[in-house]
């Protein structure tokens, strides 16, 4: 069984939150999880969603909620959400997930865990803001809990 955790972002500003969360997870990876860092994956995300029992995407989002808020959605709920992924990607996360599903190339179980960031600012290009650095521990813990939940669901589905 494979649960793929994909940290998405770029090295610029708070968009690095997903990549930093993945780095923190790599210190002690959750059981049955494969970790992938995806720097602005665009359409390549479709390939990353394939051949896994479940996928967790971790990315920075902007919705107008307070900075540091953690959002969690199933892949099916992405279309109805008001989340905007911080993206310099040629194809954003929601569009890539939708296309992968349409093509039959996505895991049957998928979640997006987004960390609310402030809208990008041209004067804040490098490094995470203090608010995002403070929220990363909570984000990593939420990803670990989600991985444990998916691990239990996937295990019981295989034994049925």
C-alpha atoms as a PDB file:
ATOM      1  CA  UNK A   1       0.000   0.000   0.000  1.00  0.00           C
ATOM      2  CA  UNK A   2       1.270   3.473  -0.879  1.00  0.00           C
ATOM      3  CA  UNK A   3       0.052   6.811   0.377  1.00  0.00           C
ATOM      4  CA  UNK A   4       1.800   9.530  -1.561  1.00  0.00           C
ATOM      5  CA  UNK A   5       2.324  12.872   0.162  1.00  0.00           C
ATOM      6  CA  UNK A   6       3.206  15.615  -2.289  1.00  0.00           C
ATOM      7  CA  UNK A   7       4.496  18.931  -0.991  1.00  0.00           C
ATOM      8  CA  UNK A   8       3.824  21.605  -3.595  1.00  0.00           C
ATOM      9  CA  UNK A   9       5.250  25.086  -3.908  1.00  0.00           C
ATOM     10  CA  UNK A  10       8.206  27.145  -4.973  1.00  0.00           C
ATOM     11  CA  UNK A  11      11.175  28.451  -3.076  1.00  0.00           C
ATOM     12  CA  UNK A  12       9.754  31.978  -3.050  1.00  0.00           C
ATOM     13  CA  UNK A  13       8.091  33.441   0.032  1.00  0.00           C
ATOM     14  CA  UNK A  14       5.233  31.649   1.725  1.00  0.00           C
ATOM     15  CA  UNK A  15       4.613  29.533  -1.394  1.00  0.00           C
ATOM     16  CA  UNK A  16       7.384  27.333   0.052  1.00  0.00           C
ATOM     17  CA  UNK A  17       5.062  26.168   2.885  1.00  0.00           C
ATOM     18  CA  UNK A  18       4.200  22.838   1.201  1.00  0.00           C
ATOM     19  CA  UNK A  19       7.852  22.097   0.448  1.00  0.00           C
ATOM     20  CA  UNK A  20       8.913  22.992   3.997  1.00  0.00           C
ATOM     21  CA  UNK A  21       6.170  20.797   5.487  1.00  0.00           C
ATOM     22  CA  UNK A  22       7.438  17.913   3.350  1.00  0.00           C
ATOM     23  CA  UNK A  23      11.003  18.501   4.537  1.00  0.00           C
ATOM     24  CA  UNK A  24       9.777  18.324   8.129  1.00  0.00           C
ATOM     25  CA  UNK A  25       7.819  15.124   7.425  1.00  0.00           C
ATOM     26  CA  UNK A  26      10.933  13.562   5.879  1.00  0.00           C
ATOM     27  CA  UNK A  27      12.639  13.659   9.287  1.00  0.00           C
ATOM     28  CA  UNK A  28      10.244  10.860  10.378  1.00  0.00           C
ATOM     29  CA  UNK A  29       8.003   9.812   7.458  1.00  0.00           C
ATOM     30  CA  UNK A  30       4.561   8.424   8.301  1.00  0.00           C
ATOM     31  CA  UNK A  31       4.167   4.642   7.772  1.00  0.00           C
ATOM     32  CA  UNK A  32       3.414   3.465   4.221  1.00  0.00           C
ATOM     33  CA  UNK A  33       3.992   6.953   2.843  1.00  0.00           C
ATOM     34  CA  UNK A  34       6.068   8.074  -0.081  1.00  0.00           C
ATOM     35  CA  UNK A  35       7.129  11.721   0.002  1.00  0.00           C
ATOM     36  CA  UNK A  36       7.547  13.847  -3.122  1.00  0.00           C
ATOM     37  CA  UNK A  37       8.637  17.482  -3.293  1.00  0.00           C
ATOM     38  CA  UNK A  38       7.068  19.203  -6.293  1.00  0.00           C
ATOM     39  CA  UNK A  39       8.448  22.630  -7.160  1.00  0.00           C
ATOM     40  CA  UNK A  40       5.741  24.203  -9.355  1.00  0.00           C
ATOM     41  CA  UNK A  41       4.705  20.874 -10.912  1.00  0.00           C
ATOM     42  CA  UNK A  42       1.982  22.155 -13.254  1.00  0.00           C
ATOM     43  CA  UNK A  43       0.822  19.353 -15.573  1.00  0.00           C
ATOM     44  CA  UNK A  44       3.497  17.000 -14.156  1.00  0.00           C
ATOM     45  CA  UNK A  45       1.285  16.716 -11.054  1.00  0.00           C
ATOM     46  CA  UNK A  46      -1.020  14.450 -13.077  1.00  0.00           C
ATOM     47  CA  UNK A  47       1.736  11.816 -13.288  1.00  0.00           C
ATOM     48  CA  UNK A  48       2.399  12.154  -9.550  1.00  0.00           C
ATOM     49  CA  UNK A  49      -1.242  11.405  -8.708  1.00  0.00           C
ATOM     50  CA  UNK A  50      -1.157   8.043 -10.471  1.00  0.00           C
ATOM     51  CA  UNK A  51      -0.406   4.575  -9.032  1.00  0.00           C
ATOM     52  CA  UNK A  52      -0.999   5.335  -5.364  1.00  0.00           C
ATOM     53  CA  UNK A  53      -3.705   4.062  -3.030  1.00  0.00           C
ATOM     54  CA  UNK A  54      -4.196   7.583  -1.702  1.00  0.00           C
ATOM     55  CA  UNK A  55      -2.642  11.010  -2.207  1.00  0.00           C
ATOM     56  CA  UNK A  56      -2.257  13.974   0.122  1.00  0.00           C
ATOM     57  CA  UNK A  57      -1.344  17.294  -1.484  1.00  0.00           C
ATOM     58  CA  UNK A  58       0.145  19.966   0.765  1.00  0.00           C
ATOM     59  CA  UNK A  59       0.201  23.517  -0.594  1.00  0.00           C
ATOM     60  CA  UNK A  60      -0.157  27.198   0.241  1.00  0.00           C
ATOM     61  CA  UNK A  61      -3.631  28.638  -0.375  1.00  0.00           C
ATOM     62  CA  UNK A  62      -5.330  32.023  -0.323  1.00  0.00           C
ATOM     63  CA  UNK A  63      -9.032  32.307   0.526  1.00  0.00           C
ATOM     64  CA  UNK A  64      -9.259  35.395   2.708  1.00  0.00           C
ATOM     65  CA  UNK A  65      -9.161  33.336   5.911  1.00  0.00           C
ATOM     66  CA  UNK A  66      -6.678  34.247   8.643  1.00  0.00           C
ATOM     67  CA  UNK A  67      -3.034  33.501   7.826  1.00  0.00           C
ATOM     68  CA  UNK A  68      -2.041  30.125   9.254  1.00  0.00           C
ATOM     69  CA  UNK A  69      -5.503  28.531   8.997  1.00  0.00           C
ATOM     70  CA  UNK A  70      -5.393  24.932   7.770  1.00  0.00           C
ATOM     71  CA  UNK A  71      -7.904  23.880   5.129  1.00  0.00           C
ATOM     72  CA  UNK A  72      -8.605  20.246   4.289  1.00  0.00           C
ATOM     73  CA  UNK A  73     -10.630  19.087   1.311  1.00  0.00           C
ATOM     74  CA  UNK A  74     -11.202  15.861  -0.524  1.00  0.00           C
ATOM     75  CA  UNK A  75     -10.336  15.919  -4.227  1.00  0.00           C
ATOM     76  CA  UNK A  76     -14.082  15.841  -4.975  1.00  0.00           C
ATOM     77  CA  UNK A  77     -14.672  19.017  -2.946  1.00  0.00           C
ATOM     78  CA  UNK A  78     -12.008  21.101  -4.709  1.00  0.00           C
ATOM     79  CA  UNK A  79     -14.349  22.462  -7.381  1.00  0.00           C
ATOM     80  CA  UNK A  80     -16.791  23.841  -4.806  1.00  0.00           C
ATOM     81  CA  UNK A  81     -14.123  25.454  -2.631  1.00  0.00           C
ATOM     82  CA  UNK A  82     -13.148  29.096  -2.545  1.00  0.00           C
ATOM     83  CA  UNK A  83      -9.454  28.255  -2.240  1.00  0.00           C
ATOM     84  CA  UNK A  84      -6.972  29.774  -4.605  1.00  0.00           C
ATOM     85  CA  UNK A  85      -3.671  27.972  -4.737  1.00  0.00           C
ATOM     86  CA  UNK A  86      -0.607  30.192  -4.611  1.00  0.00           C
ATOM     87  CA  UNK A  87       0.600  29.358  -8.030  1.00  0.00           C
ATOM     88  CA  UNK A  88       3.287  30.194 -10.458  1.00  0.00           C
ATOM     89  CA  UNK A  89       2.452  26.813 -11.970  1.00  0.00           C
ATOM     90  CA  UNK A  90       1.304  26.534 -15.586  1.00  0.00           C
ATOM     91  CA  UNK A  91      -1.653  24.418 -14.391  1.00  0.00           C
ATOM     92  CA  UNK A  92      -2.833  24.981 -10.832  1.00  0.00           C
ATOM     93  CA  UNK A  93      -3.430  22.201  -8.325  1.00  0.00           C
ATOM     94  CA  UNK A  94      -7.227  22.099  -8.596  1.00  0.00           C
ATOM     95  CA  UNK A  95      -7.110  21.970 -12.406  1.00  0.00           C
ATOM     96  CA  UNK A  96      -4.448  19.225 -12.390  1.00  0.00           C
ATOM     97  CA  UNK A  97      -6.458  17.120  -9.902  1.00  0.00           C
ATOM     98  CA  UNK A  98      -9.622  17.531 -11.965  1.00  0.00           C
ATOM     99  CA  UNK A  99      -7.846  16.632 -15.203  1.00  0.00           C
ATOM    100  CA  UNK A 100      -6.166  13.599 -13.618  1.00  0.00           C
ATOM    101  CA  UNK A 101      -9.564  12.379 -12.400  1.00  0.00           C
ATOM    102  CA  UNK A 102     -11.135  12.885 -15.814  1.00  0.00           C
ATOM    103  CA  UNK A 103      -8.292  10.906 -17.401  1.00  0.00           C
ATOM    104  CA  UNK A 104      -8.615   8.116 -14.807  1.00  0.00           C
ATOM    105  CA  UNK A 105      -5.084   8.832 -13.578  1.00  0.00           C
ATOM    106  CA  UNK A 106      -5.734   9.831  -9.983  1.00  0.00           C
ATOM    107  CA  UNK A 107      -5.757   7.816  -6.775  1.00  0.00           C
ATOM    108  CA  UNK A 108      -9.254   6.843  -5.656  1.00  0.00           C
ATOM    109  CA  UNK A 109      -8.701   8.661  -2.355  1.00  0.00           C
ATOM    110  CA  UNK A 110      -7.222  12.122  -2.236  1.00  0.00           C
ATOM    111  CA  UNK A 111      -7.013  15.090   0.074  1.00  0.00           C
ATOM    112  CA  UNK A 112      -5.633  18.574  -0.221  1.00  0.00           C
ATOM    113  CA  UNK A 113      -4.318  20.182   2.938  1.00  0.00           C
ATOM    114  CA  UNK A 114      -3.741  23.856   2.382  1.00  0.00           C
ATOM    115  CA  UNK A 115      -2.101  26.378   4.634  1.00  0.00           C
ATOM    116  CA  UNK A 116      -3.599  29.854   4.365  1.00  0.00           C
ATOM    117  CA  UNK A 117      -0.974  32.420   3.458  1.00  0.00           C
ATOM    118  CA  UNK A 118      -1.220  36.147   2.904  1.00  0.00           C
ATOM    119  CA  UNK A 119      -1.440  37.189  -0.740  1.00  0.00           C
ATOM    120  CA  UNK A 120       2.050  37.298  -2.313  1.00  0.00           C
ATOM    121  CA  UNK A 121       3.922  40.571  -1.879  1.00  0.00           C
ATOM    122  CA  UNK A 122       6.753  41.741  -4.129  1.00  0.00           C
ATOM    123  CA  UNK A 123       8.776  42.906  -1.103  1.00  0.00           C
ATOM    124  CA  UNK A 124       8.604  39.436   0.500  1.00  0.00           C
ATOM    125  CA  UNK A 125      10.286  37.157  -2.003  1.00  0.00           C
ATOM    126  CA  UNK A 126      12.610  34.986   0.089  1.00  0.00           C
ATOM    127  CA  UNK A 127      11.909  33.000   3.217  1.00  0.00           C
ATOM    128  CA  UNK A 128       8.735  32.130   5.046  1.00  0.00           C
ATOM    129  CA  UNK A 129       6.897  34.777   7.029  1.00  0.00           C
ATOM    130  CA  UNK A 130       6.915  34.364  10.821  1.00  0.00           C
ATOM    131  CA  UNK A 131       3.185  33.502  10.791  1.00  0.00           C
ATOM    132  CA  UNK A 132       3.730  30.621   8.364  1.00  0.00           C
ATOM    133  CA  UNK A 133       6.813  29.367  10.207  1.00  0.00           C
ATOM    134  CA  UNK A 134       4.701  29.292  13.392  1.00  0.00           C
ATOM    135  CA  UNK A 135       1.878  27.360  11.643  1.00  0.00           C
ATOM    136  CA  UNK A 136       4.074  24.692  10.038  1.00  0.00           C
ATOM    137  CA  UNK A 137       4.082  22.390  13.080  1.00  0.00           C
ATOM    138  CA  UNK A 138       0.274  22.310  13.051  1.00  0.00           C
ATOM    139  CA  UNK A 139       0.263  21.687   9.300  1.00  0.00           C
ATOM    140  CA  UNK A 140       2.672  18.753   9.616  1.00  0.00           C
ATOM    141  CA  UNK A 141       0.612  17.273  12.457  1.00  0.00           C
ATOM    142  CA  UNK A 142      -2.562  17.542  10.351  1.00  0.00           C
ATOM    143  CA  UNK A 143      -0.814  15.783   7.452  1.00  0.00           C
ATOM    144  CA  UNK A 144       0.319  13.005   9.813  1.00  0.00           C
ATOM    145  CA  UNK A 145      -3.240  12.545  11.114  1.00  0.00           C
ATOM    146  CA  UNK A 146      -4.625  12.485   7.580  1.00  0.00           C
ATOM    147  CA  UNK A 147      -2.002   9.898   6.545  1.00  0.00           C
ATOM    148  CA  UNK A 148      -2.975   7.705   9.523  1.00  0.00           C
ATOM    149  CA  UNK A 149      -6.680   7.991   8.609  1.00  0.00           C
ATOM    150  CA  UNK A 150      -6.013   7.106   4.966  1.00  0.00           C
ATOM    151  CA  UNK A 151      -3.725   4.269   6.024  1.00  0.00           C
ATOM    152  CA  UNK A 152      -6.543   2.769   8.116  1.00  0.00           C
ATOM    153  CA  UNK A 153      -9.129   3.221   5.347  1.00  0.00           C
ATOM    154  CA  UNK A 154      -6.848   1.753   2.657  1.00  0.00           C
ATOM    155  CA  UNK A 155      -5.890  -1.191   4.906  1.00  0.00           C
ATOM    156  CA  UNK A 156      -9.495  -2.067   5.685  1.00  0.00           C
ATOM    157  CA  UNK A 157     -10.459  -1.703   2.003  1.00  0.00           C
ATOM    158  CA  UNK A 158      -7.689  -4.152   1.012  1.00  0.00           C
ATOM    159  CA  UNK A 159      -8.714  -6.713   3.632  1.00  0.00           C
ATOM    160  CA  UNK A 160     -12.385  -6.628   2.606  1.00  0.00           C
END
